[in-house]
Amino acid sequence: MELLSGLLSSLGLSGAAGLNASIPLLLVGLLARFGVLDLAAPFDLLANPWVLLGVGVLGVLDFVGDKIPGVDHALHLFGGVVNAAAGAILFAAQAGVAEVPPAFSLALGFLVAGGVHGARAAVRPVATATTGGLANPVLSAAEDGASLGLSMLAIFAPVLAALGLAGVLAWAVRLWRRGRQERAA
């Protein structure tokens, strides 16, 4: 049962990283720093104050930049690698998946976060084109909120996190389809 819970938690955290890399990294790092989570080495470095400060600074820059049309697209290009790498780290960092080979857990986290980020990056240009960029700050805030909520669920209610991840992906597909229909009309 611990393996399943760890896998669901890992999926939720890597999915949250696909939306916003800094939120789940900060949350996991802070919870490990205060003894709520136990991270295996070398992932316990996420609790290092300098790592937390660096992730926090990057998170603030991403939070602000992601609300600005044009800047957000550049961040999404760069974020394709960063978000996927954060997802890989978060997936592998979970102590409950120790039975899973590290290379496999890193690859799975990379794919989950990369897939979620890809869906996010596909929706944003459609929103920009159909709303003249006015929806971008709203979508960004929704992504940040979903990342925080998904991260919290992944840590404290992993089954709900897996369901939430499926909901986020379904929402992205629906927005993407609606945007394509509006552009075609």
N, C-alpha and C. Protein backbone atom coordinates (compact mmCIF):
# COMPACT_ATOMS: atom_id res chain seq x y z
N MET A 1 0.82 -1.19 0.00
CA MET A 1 0.00 0.00 0.00
C MET A 1 0.87 1.27 0.00
N GLU A 2 2.02 1.20 0.70
CA GLU A 2 2.91 2.35 0.74
C GLU A 2 3.48 2.64 -0.65
N LEU A 3 3.75 1.59 -1.42
CA LEU A 3 4.25 1.77 -2.77
C LEU A 3 3.23 2.49 -3.63
N LEU A 4 1.96 2.08 -3.57
CA LEU A 4 0.91 2.72 -4.35
C LEU A 4 0.74 4.18 -3.93
N SER A 5 0.72 4.44 -2.63
CA SER A 5 0.59 5.80 -2.14
C SER A 5 1.77 6.66 -2.60
N GLY A 6 2.97 6.09 -2.54
CA GLY A 6 4.16 6.81 -2.99
C GLY A 6 4.12 7.11 -4.48
N LEU A 7 3.65 6.14 -5.26
CA LEU A 7 3.55 6.35 -6.71
C LEU A 7 2.52 7.43 -7.04
N LEU A 8 1.37 7.39 -6.37
CA LEU A 8 0.34 8.40 -6.61
C LEU A 8 0.83 9.79 -6.18
N SER A 9 1.52 9.84 -5.05
CA SER A 9 2.09 11.11 -4.60
C SER A 9 3.11 11.63 -5.61
N SER A 10 3.95 10.73 -6.10
CA SER A 10 4.96 11.11 -7.09
C SER A 10 4.33 11.61 -8.37
N LEU A 11 3.28 10.94 -8.82
CA LEU A 11 2.56 11.37 -10.02
C LEU A 11 1.97 12.77 -9.82
N GLY A 12 1.34 12.98 -8.67
CA GLY A 12 0.74 14.28 -8.39
C GLY A 12 1.77 15.40 -8.34
N LEU A 13 2.90 15.14 -7.67
CA LEU A 13 3.94 16.18 -7.58
C LEU A 13 4.57 16.46 -8.94
N SER A 14 4.82 15.42 -9.72
CA SER A 14 5.42 15.67 -11.03
C SER A 14 4.41 16.36 -11.96
N GLY A 15 3.14 16.04 -11.83
CA GLY A 15 2.12 16.75 -12.61
C GLY A 15 2.03 18.22 -12.20
N ALA A 16 2.12 18.48 -10.90
CA ALA A 16 2.10 19.86 -10.41
C ALA A 16 3.30 20.63 -10.93
N ALA A 17 4.44 19.95 -11.03
CA ALA A 17 5.65 20.60 -11.56
C ALA A 17 5.47 20.96 -13.03
N GLY A 18 4.65 20.22 -13.76
CA GLY A 18 4.38 20.55 -15.15
C GLY A 18 3.63 21.87 -15.28
N LEU A 19 2.87 22.23 -14.25
CA LEU A 19 2.15 23.50 -14.26
C LEU A 19 3.02 24.64 -13.76
N ASN A 20 3.78 24.39 -12.71
CA ASN A 20 4.65 25.40 -12.13
C ASN A 20 5.73 24.66 -11.36
N ALA A 21 6.94 24.70 -11.84
CA ALA A 21 8.03 23.92 -11.24
C ALA A 21 8.36 24.35 -9.82
N SER A 22 8.28 25.62 -9.52
CA SER A 22 8.75 26.10 -8.22
C SER A 22 7.81 25.77 -7.07
N ILE A 23 6.51 25.73 -7.32
CA ILE A 23 5.56 25.52 -6.22
C ILE A 23 5.77 24.15 -5.56
N PRO A 24 5.74 23.04 -6.29
CA PRO A 24 5.95 21.76 -5.59
C PRO A 24 7.37 21.60 -5.05
N LEU A 25 8.36 22.15 -5.74
CA LEU A 25 9.73 22.08 -5.22
C LEU A 25 9.84 22.83 -3.89
N LEU A 26 9.27 24.02 -3.82
CA LEU A 26 9.30 24.78 -2.57
C LEU A 26 8.52 24.07 -1.47
N LEU A 27 7.35 23.57 -1.80
CA LEU A 27 6.52 22.90 -0.80
C LEU A 27 7.22 21.66 -0.24
N VAL A 28 7.75 20.82 -1.11
CA VAL A 28 8.45 19.62 -0.66
C VAL A 28 9.70 20.00 0.13
N GLY A 29 10.44 20.99 -0.35
CA GLY A 29 11.64 21.42 0.35
C GLY A 29 11.34 21.98 1.73
N LEU A 30 10.31 22.80 1.83
CA LEU A 30 9.94 23.38 3.13
C LEU A 30 9.42 22.32 4.09
N LEU A 31 8.60 21.42 3.58
CA LEU A 31 8.08 20.35 4.45
C LEU A 31 9.20 19.43 4.92
N ALA A 32 10.17 19.18 4.07
CA ALA A 32 11.33 18.38 4.48
C ALA A 32 12.17 19.16 5.48
N ARG A 33 12.32 20.43 5.26
CA ARG A 33 13.11 21.28 6.16
C ARG A 33 12.53 21.28 7.58
N PHE A 34 11.20 21.27 7.67
CA PHE A 34 10.54 21.31 8.97
C PHE A 34 10.18 19.92 9.51
N GLY A 35 10.70 18.87 8.85
CA GLY A 35 10.54 17.52 9.37
C GLY A 35 9.22 16.84 9.07
N VAL A 36 8.40 17.43 8.22
CA VAL A 36 7.11 16.81 7.88
C VAL A 36 7.30 15.70 6.86
N LEU A 37 8.23 15.89 5.93
CA LEU A 37 8.55 14.89 4.91
C LEU A 37 9.97 14.38 5.12
N ASP A 38 10.17 13.14 4.73
CA ASP A 38 11.50 12.56 4.77
C ASP A 38 11.95 12.31 3.34
N LEU A 39 13.02 12.96 2.92
CA LEU A 39 13.54 12.79 1.58
C LEU A 39 14.84 12.00 1.63
N ALA A 40 14.95 11.05 0.74
CA ALA A 40 16.18 10.26 0.63
C ALA A 40 17.26 11.09 -0.04
N ALA A 41 18.52 10.79 0.28
CA ALA A 41 19.64 11.46 -0.39
C ALA A 41 19.67 11.03 -1.84
N PRO A 42 20.01 11.84 -2.74
CA PRO A 42 20.49 13.22 -2.66
C PRO A 42 19.37 14.25 -2.70
N PHE A 43 18.12 13.79 -2.69
CA PHE A 43 16.99 14.70 -2.84
C PHE A 43 16.72 15.51 -1.58
N ASP A 44 17.36 15.15 -0.48
CA ASP A 44 17.24 15.93 0.74
C ASP A 44 17.85 17.33 0.58
N LEU A 45 18.60 17.52 -0.49
CA LEU A 45 19.13 18.86 -0.79
C LEU A 45 18.02 19.87 -1.04
N LEU A 46 16.82 19.40 -1.39
CA LEU A 46 15.70 20.32 -1.59
C LEU A 46 15.38 21.10 -0.32
N ALA A 47 15.77 20.59 0.83
CA ALA A 47 15.52 21.26 2.10
C ALA A 47 16.63 22.24 2.48
N ASN A 48 17.69 22.31 1.70
CA ASN A 48 18.79 23.22 1.98
C ASN A 48 18.30 24.66 1.83
N PRO A 49 18.63 25.54 2.79
CA PRO A 49 18.14 26.92 2.72
C PRO A 49 18.54 27.65 1.43
N TRP A 50 19.74 27.39 0.91
CA TRP A 50 20.18 28.05 -0.32
C TRP A 50 19.40 27.54 -1.53
N VAL A 51 19.10 26.27 -1.53
CA VAL A 51 18.28 25.71 -2.62
C VAL A 51 16.87 26.31 -2.54
N LEU A 52 16.32 26.37 -1.34
CA LEU A 52 14.99 26.95 -1.16
C LEU A 52 14.96 28.41 -1.59
N LEU A 53 16.00 29.15 -1.24
CA LEU A 53 16.08 30.57 -1.64
C LEU A 53 16.15 30.69 -3.16
N GLY A 54 16.99 29.88 -3.80
CA GLY A 54 17.11 29.92 -5.26
C GLY A 54 15.81 29.56 -5.96
N VAL A 55 15.16 28.51 -5.49
CA VAL A 55 13.88 28.11 -6.08
C VAL A 55 12.84 29.20 -5.85
N GLY A 56 12.86 29.80 -4.67
CA GLY A 56 11.91 30.87 -4.37
C GLY A 56 12.09 32.09 -5.27
N VAL A 57 13.33 32.50 -5.49
CA VAL A 57 13.61 33.65 -6.37
C VAL A 57 13.15 33.33 -7.80
N LEU A 58 13.50 32.15 -8.28
CA LEU A 58 13.06 31.76 -9.62
C LEU A 58 11.54 31.66 -9.70
N GLY A 59 10.93 31.21 -8.62
CA GLY A 59 9.48 31.12 -8.58
C GLY A 59 8.81 32.47 -8.68
N VAL A 60 9.35 33.47 -7.98
CA VAL A 60 8.80 34.83 -8.04
C VAL A 60 8.95 35.39 -9.45
N LEU A 61 10.11 35.22 -10.05
CA LEU A 61 10.32 35.70 -11.42
C LEU A 61 9.36 35.03 -12.40
N ASP A 62 9.18 33.73 -12.24
CA ASP A 62 8.26 32.99 -13.11
C ASP A 62 6.82 33.43 -12.86
N PHE A 63 6.47 33.64 -11.60
CA PHE A 63 5.11 34.06 -11.25
C PHE A 63 4.74 35.37 -11.92
N VAL A 64 5.66 36.33 -11.88
CA VAL A 64 5.41 37.64 -12.49
C VAL A 64 5.46 37.54 -14.01
N GLY A 65 6.51 36.92 -14.54
CA GLY A 65 6.68 36.84 -16.00
C GLY A 65 5.59 36.06 -16.69
N ASP A 66 5.02 35.08 -16.01
CA ASP A 66 4.00 34.25 -16.64
C ASP A 66 2.67 34.97 -16.82
N LYS A 67 2.54 36.13 -16.21
CA LYS A 67 1.30 36.91 -16.35
C LYS A 67 1.37 37.88 -17.54
N ILE A 68 2.53 37.97 -18.19
CA ILE A 68 2.73 38.94 -19.26
C ILE A 68 2.74 38.22 -20.60
N PRO A 69 1.76 38.54 -21.50
CA PRO A 69 1.76 37.89 -22.81
C PRO A 69 3.08 38.14 -23.55
N GLY A 70 3.58 37.14 -24.18
CA GLY A 70 4.87 37.22 -24.88
C GLY A 70 5.97 36.69 -23.98
N VAL A 71 6.10 37.27 -22.79
CA VAL A 71 7.08 36.78 -21.83
C VAL A 71 6.69 35.36 -21.40
N ASP A 72 5.38 35.14 -21.23
CA ASP A 72 4.93 33.81 -20.81
C ASP A 72 5.28 32.75 -21.85
N HIS A 73 5.22 33.09 -23.12
CA HIS A 73 5.57 32.11 -24.16
C HIS A 73 7.06 31.75 -24.11
N ALA A 74 7.89 32.76 -23.87
CA ALA A 74 9.33 32.49 -23.74
C ALA A 74 9.59 31.62 -22.51
N LEU A 75 8.90 31.90 -21.42
CA LEU A 75 9.05 31.09 -20.22
C LEU A 75 8.59 29.65 -20.46
N HIS A 76 7.56 29.48 -21.26
CA HIS A 76 7.07 28.13 -21.54
C HIS A 76 8.07 27.34 -22.38
N LEU A 77 8.76 28.02 -23.29
CA LEU A 77 9.80 27.33 -24.06
C LEU A 77 10.92 26.86 -23.13
N PHE A 78 11.40 27.75 -22.29
CA PHE A 78 12.44 27.42 -21.32
C PHE A 78 11.91 26.42 -20.30
N GLY A 79 10.65 26.61 -19.91
CA GLY A 79 10.03 25.75 -18.90
C GLY A 79 9.82 24.33 -19.35
N GLY A 80 9.82 24.08 -20.65
CA GLY A 80 9.66 22.72 -21.12
C GLY A 80 10.70 21.79 -20.52
N VAL A 81 11.91 22.28 -20.40
CA VAL A 81 13.00 21.49 -19.82
C VAL A 81 12.97 21.60 -18.30
N VAL A 82 12.82 22.82 -17.78
CA VAL A 82 12.86 23.05 -16.34
C VAL A 82 11.72 22.31 -15.64
N ASN A 83 10.51 22.45 -16.14
CA ASN A 83 9.36 21.80 -15.50
C ASN A 83 9.49 20.29 -15.55
N ALA A 84 9.92 19.76 -16.68
CA ALA A 84 10.08 18.31 -16.80
C ALA A 84 11.18 17.81 -15.86
N ALA A 85 12.27 18.56 -15.74
CA ALA A 85 13.35 18.16 -14.82
C ALA A 85 12.87 18.22 -13.37
N ALA A 86 12.10 19.25 -13.02
CA ALA A 86 11.56 19.35 -11.67
C ALA A 86 10.63 18.17 -11.39
N GLY A 87 9.83 17.81 -12.38
CA GLY A 87 8.94 16.65 -12.21
C GLY A 87 9.72 15.37 -12.00
N ALA A 88 10.82 15.23 -12.71
CA ALA A 88 11.67 14.04 -12.55
C ALA A 88 12.25 13.99 -11.14
N ILE A 89 12.74 15.12 -10.67
CA ILE A 89 13.33 15.18 -9.33
C ILE A 89 12.27 14.88 -8.26
N LEU A 90 11.10 15.49 -8.40
CA LEU A 90 10.05 15.29 -7.41
C LEU A 90 9.55 13.86 -7.40
N PHE A 91 9.43 13.25 -8.56
CA PHE A 91 8.98 11.86 -8.63
C PHE A 91 9.99 10.97 -7.92
N ALA A 92 11.25 11.15 -8.23
CA ALA A 92 12.29 10.30 -7.66
C ALA A 92 12.53 10.58 -6.18
N ALA A 93 12.21 11.78 -5.71
CA ALA A 93 12.48 12.17 -4.34
C ALA A 93 11.57 11.49 -3.32
N GLN A 94 10.46 10.98 -3.76
CA GLN A 94 9.52 10.39 -2.81
C GLN A 94 10.08 9.11 -2.21
N ALA A 95 10.16 9.08 -0.92
CA ALA A 95 10.72 7.92 -0.21
C ALA A 95 9.85 6.68 -0.40
N GLY A 96 8.58 6.84 -0.67
CA GLY A 96 7.68 5.70 -0.81
C GLY A 96 7.87 4.91 -2.09
N VAL A 97 8.69 5.40 -3.01
CA VAL A 97 8.90 4.68 -4.26
C VAL A 97 10.32 4.13 -4.34
N ALA A 98 10.88 3.81 -3.18
CA ALA A 98 12.25 3.31 -3.14
C ALA A 98 12.39 2.00 -3.92
N GLU A 99 11.30 1.26 -4.05
CA GLU A 99 11.35 -0.01 -4.78
C GLU A 99 11.44 0.19 -6.29
N VAL A 100 11.13 1.39 -6.75
CA VAL A 100 11.16 1.70 -8.17
C VAL A 100 12.59 2.12 -8.54
N PRO A 101 13.15 1.53 -9.59
CA PRO A 101 14.52 1.92 -9.97
C PRO A 101 14.62 3.43 -10.22
N PRO A 102 15.68 4.07 -9.73
CA PRO A 102 15.81 5.53 -9.85
C PRO A 102 15.71 6.03 -11.30
N ALA A 103 16.34 5.34 -12.23
CA ALA A 103 16.28 5.80 -13.62
C ALA A 103 14.85 5.77 -14.15
N PHE A 104 14.10 4.76 -13.77
CA PHE A 104 12.71 4.65 -14.21
C PHE A 104 11.87 5.75 -13.58
N SER A 105 12.07 6.01 -12.28
CA SER A 105 11.28 7.04 -11.62
C SER A 105 11.61 8.43 -12.17
N LEU A 106 12.89 8.68 -12.46
CA LEU A 106 13.26 9.96 -13.08
C LEU A 106 12.60 10.11 -14.45
N ALA A 107 12.64 9.05 -15.25
CA ALA A 107 12.05 9.10 -16.59
C ALA A 107 10.55 9.29 -16.52
N LEU A 108 9.89 8.59 -15.61
CA LEU A 108 8.44 8.72 -15.50
C LEU A 108 8.05 10.12 -15.04
N GLY A 109 8.77 10.66 -14.06
CA GLY A 109 8.49 12.02 -13.61
C GLY A 109 8.72 13.04 -14.71
N PHE A 110 9.77 12.84 -15.49
CA PHE A 110 10.08 13.72 -16.61
C PHE A 110 8.94 13.69 -17.63
N LEU A 111 8.43 12.49 -17.93
CA LEU A 111 7.36 12.36 -18.91
C LEU A 111 6.05 12.96 -18.41
N VAL A 112 5.71 12.72 -17.14
CA VAL A 112 4.46 13.26 -16.60
C VAL A 112 4.51 14.79 -16.58
N ALA A 113 5.56 15.35 -16.01
CA ALA A 113 5.67 16.81 -15.95
C ALA A 113 5.77 17.41 -17.35
N GLY A 114 6.54 16.77 -18.22
CA GLY A 114 6.66 17.26 -19.60
C GLY A 114 5.34 17.22 -20.33
N GLY A 115 4.55 16.17 -20.10
CA GLY A 115 3.23 16.06 -20.73
C GLY A 115 2.28 17.14 -20.25
N VAL A 116 2.26 17.36 -18.94
CA VAL A 116 1.39 18.40 -18.39
C VAL A 116 1.85 19.77 -18.89
N HIS A 117 3.15 20.00 -18.90
CA HIS A 117 3.66 21.28 -19.40
C HIS A 117 3.34 21.45 -20.89
N GLY A 118 3.44 20.38 -21.65
CA GLY A 118 3.10 20.45 -23.07
C GLY A 118 1.65 20.83 -23.29
N ALA A 119 0.74 20.25 -22.47
CA ALA A 119 -0.67 20.61 -22.58
C ALA A 119 -0.87 22.08 -22.20
N ARG A 120 -0.19 22.51 -21.17
CA ARG A 120 -0.26 23.91 -20.74
C ARG A 120 0.25 24.83 -21.84
N ALA A 121 1.36 24.49 -22.44
CA ALA A 121 1.95 25.31 -23.49
C ALA A 121 1.11 25.31 -24.76
N ALA A 122 0.34 24.26 -24.98
CA ALA A 122 -0.54 24.21 -26.16
C ALA A 122 -1.77 25.08 -25.97
N VAL A 123 -2.24 25.20 -24.74
CA VAL A 123 -3.44 25.99 -24.46
C VAL A 123 -3.13 27.48 -24.52
N ARG A 124 -1.98 27.89 -24.04
CA ARG A 124 -1.69 29.32 -23.90
C ARG A 124 -1.72 30.09 -25.21
N PRO A 125 -1.11 29.62 -26.31
CA PRO A 125 -1.20 30.40 -27.56
C PRO A 125 -2.64 30.55 -28.06
N VAL A 126 -3.45 29.53 -27.84
CA VAL A 126 -4.86 29.61 -28.24
C VAL A 126 -5.55 30.69 -27.42
N ALA A 127 -5.28 30.73 -26.13
CA ALA A 127 -5.89 31.75 -25.27
C ALA A 127 -5.40 33.14 -25.66
N THR A 128 -4.14 33.24 -25.99
CA THR A 128 -3.59 34.54 -26.40
C THR A 128 -4.24 35.01 -27.69
N ALA A 129 -4.37 34.12 -28.65
CA ALA A 129 -4.94 34.48 -29.95
C ALA A 129 -6.42 34.84 -29.85
N THR A 130 -7.16 34.11 -29.03
CA THR A 130 -8.60 34.35 -28.97
C THR A 130 -9.00 35.48 -28.04
N THR A 131 -8.12 35.88 -27.12
CA THR A 131 -8.47 36.95 -26.17
C THR A 131 -7.53 38.14 -26.25
N GLY A 132 -6.62 38.13 -27.19
CA GLY A 132 -5.66 39.22 -27.29
C GLY A 132 -4.72 39.29 -26.09
N GLY A 133 -4.53 38.18 -25.43
CA GLY A 133 -3.63 38.11 -24.27
C GLY A 133 -4.28 38.45 -22.95
N LEU A 134 -5.56 38.85 -22.97
CA LEU A 134 -6.23 39.22 -21.73
C LEU A 134 -6.47 38.03 -20.80
N ALA A 135 -6.60 36.84 -21.35
CA ALA A 135 -6.84 35.65 -20.52
C ALA A 135 -5.56 35.09 -19.91
N ASN A 136 -4.41 35.50 -20.40
CA ASN A 136 -3.15 34.92 -19.93
C ASN A 136 -2.93 35.06 -18.43
N PRO A 137 -3.14 36.24 -17.83
CA PRO A 137 -2.95 36.32 -16.38
C PRO A 137 -3.93 35.44 -15.60
N VAL A 138 -5.15 35.32 -16.11
CA VAL A 138 -6.15 34.48 -15.44
C VAL A 138 -5.75 33.01 -15.54
N LEU A 139 -5.34 32.59 -16.73
CA LEU A 139 -4.89 31.21 -16.90
C LEU A 139 -3.66 30.92 -16.06
N SER A 140 -2.75 31.86 -16.01
CA SER A 140 -1.53 31.68 -15.21
C SER A 140 -1.87 31.52 -13.73
N ALA A 141 -2.77 32.36 -13.24
CA ALA A 141 -3.17 32.25 -11.84
C ALA A 141 -3.87 30.91 -11.57
N ALA A 142 -4.70 30.47 -12.53
CA ALA A 142 -5.36 29.17 -12.38
C ALA A 142 -4.34 28.03 -12.38
N GLU A 143 -3.33 28.13 -13.23
CA GLU A 143 -2.27 27.11 -13.25
C GLU A 143 -1.50 27.09 -11.94
N ASP A 144 -1.19 28.27 -11.40
CA ASP A 144 -0.48 28.35 -10.13
C ASP A 144 -1.32 27.76 -9.00
N GLY A 145 -2.59 28.08 -8.98
CA GLY A 145 -3.50 27.54 -7.97
C GLY A 145 -3.64 26.03 -8.10
N ALA A 146 -3.74 25.56 -9.32
CA ALA A 146 -3.85 24.10 -9.55
C ALA A 146 -2.56 23.41 -9.13
N SER A 147 -1.42 24.03 -9.39
CA SER A 147 -0.14 23.44 -8.99
C SER A 147 -0.04 23.35 -7.47
N LEU A 148 -0.45 24.39 -6.77
CA LEU A 148 -0.41 24.37 -5.30
C LEU A 148 -1.38 23.33 -4.75
N GLY A 149 -2.61 23.34 -5.28
CA GLY A 149 -3.60 22.37 -4.80
C GLY A 149 -3.17 20.93 -5.08
N LEU A 150 -2.67 20.70 -6.28
CA LEU A 150 -2.22 19.36 -6.65
C LEU A 150 -1.03 18.92 -5.81
N SER A 151 -0.14 19.85 -5.50
CA SER A 151 1.01 19.54 -4.65
C SER A 151 0.56 19.16 -3.25
N MET A 152 -0.35 19.93 -2.69
CA MET A 152 -0.86 19.63 -1.35
C MET A 152 -1.56 18.27 -1.33
N LEU A 153 -2.39 18.03 -2.33
CA LEU A 153 -3.07 16.73 -2.40
C LEU A 153 -2.07 15.59 -2.57
N ALA A 154 -1.05 15.80 -3.38
CA ALA A 154 -0.06 14.75 -3.62
C ALA A 154 0.64 14.34 -2.33
N ILE A 155 0.83 15.29 -1.45
CA ILE A 155 1.53 15.00 -0.19
C ILE A 155 0.58 14.43 0.85
N PHE A 156 -0.61 15.00 0.96
CA PHE A 156 -1.50 14.63 2.05
C PHE A 156 -2.67 13.73 1.65
N ALA A 157 -3.01 13.65 0.37
CA ALA A 157 -4.10 12.79 -0.11
C ALA A 157 -3.78 12.33 -1.53
N PRO A 158 -2.81 11.41 -1.68
CA PRO A 158 -2.30 11.03 -3.00
C PRO A 158 -3.36 10.52 -3.99
N VAL A 159 -4.37 9.83 -3.52
CA VAL A 159 -5.41 9.33 -4.43
C VAL A 159 -6.14 10.52 -5.06
N LEU A 160 -6.46 11.51 -4.24
CA LEU A 160 -7.13 12.70 -4.77
C LEU A 160 -6.22 13.47 -5.73
N ALA A 161 -4.92 13.43 -5.49
CA ALA A 161 -3.97 14.09 -6.39
C ALA A 161 -4.01 13.45 -7.77
N ALA A 162 -4.06 12.13 -7.82
CA ALA A 162 -4.13 11.45 -9.11
C ALA A 162 -5.41 11.83 -9.85
N LEU A 163 -6.51 11.91 -9.13
CA LEU A 163 -7.77 12.34 -9.75
C LEU A 163 -7.68 13.80 -10.19
N GLY A 164 -7.04 14.64 -9.37
CA GLY A 164 -6.87 16.04 -9.73
C GLY A 164 -6.00 16.22 -10.96
N LEU A 165 -4.97 15.41 -11.08
CA LEU A 165 -4.10 15.46 -12.26
C LEU A 165 -4.89 15.11 -13.51
N ALA A 166 -5.73 14.08 -13.42
CA ALA A 166 -6.58 13.72 -14.56
C ALA A 166 -7.54 14.86 -14.90
N GLY A 167 -8.05 15.53 -13.88
CA GLY A 167 -8.95 16.67 -14.11
C GLY A 167 -8.25 17.84 -14.78
N VAL A 168 -7.03 18.13 -14.36
CA VAL A 168 -6.24 19.21 -14.97
C VAL A 168 -6.00 18.92 -16.45
N LEU A 169 -5.63 17.69 -16.75
CA LEU A 169 -5.39 17.32 -18.16
C LEU A 169 -6.67 17.38 -18.99
N ALA A 170 -7.78 16.93 -18.42
CA ALA A 170 -9.06 17.00 -19.14
C ALA A 170 -9.45 18.46 -19.39
N TRP A 171 -9.23 19.33 -18.42
CA TRP A 171 -9.54 20.75 -18.56
C TRP A 171 -8.69 21.37 -19.67
N ALA A 172 -7.41 21.02 -19.71
CA ALA A 172 -6.52 21.56 -20.75
C ALA A 172 -6.96 21.12 -22.14
N VAL A 173 -7.32 19.87 -22.28
CA VAL A 173 -7.77 19.36 -23.58
C VAL A 173 -9.05 20.08 -24.00
N ARG A 174 -9.97 20.29 -23.06
CA ARG A 174 -11.22 20.98 -23.39
C ARG A 174 -10.96 22.42 -23.83
N LEU A 175 -10.08 23.13 -23.13
CA LEU A 175 -9.76 24.50 -23.52
C LEU A 175 -9.08 24.54 -24.89
N TRP A 176 -8.18 23.62 -25.12
CA TRP A 176 -7.46 23.57 -26.39
C TRP A 176 -8.44 23.32 -27.54
N ARG A 177 -9.34 22.38 -27.36
CA ARG A 177 -10.33 22.08 -28.42
C ARG A 177 -11.25 23.26 -28.67
N ARG A 178 -11.70 23.90 -27.60
CA ARG A 178 -12.60 25.05 -27.75
C ARG A 178 -11.88 26.18 -28.49
N GLY A 179 -10.65 26.42 -28.17
CA GLY A 179 -9.88 27.46 -28.85
C GLY A 179 -9.68 27.16 -30.32
N ARG A 180 -9.41 25.91 -30.65
CA ARG A 180 -9.26 25.54 -32.06
C ARG A 180 -10.57 25.72 -32.82
N GLN A 181 -11.69 25.41 -32.19
CA GLN A 181 -12.99 25.59 -32.83
C GLN A 181 -13.28 27.05 -33.06
N GLU A 182 -12.92 27.91 -32.08
CA GLU A 182 -13.17 29.34 -32.22
C GLU A 182 -12.30 29.94 -33.32
N ARG A 183 -11.06 29.47 -33.44
CA ARG A 183 -10.18 29.99 -34.50
C ARG A 183 -10.65 29.53 -35.87
N ALA A 184 -11.23 28.32 -35.95
CA ALA A 184 -11.69 27.78 -37.23
C ALA A 184 -12.96 28.49 -37.69
N ALA A 185 -13.73 29.02 -36.74
CA ALA A 185 -15.03 29.65 -37.09
C ALA A 185 -14.88 31.03 -37.63
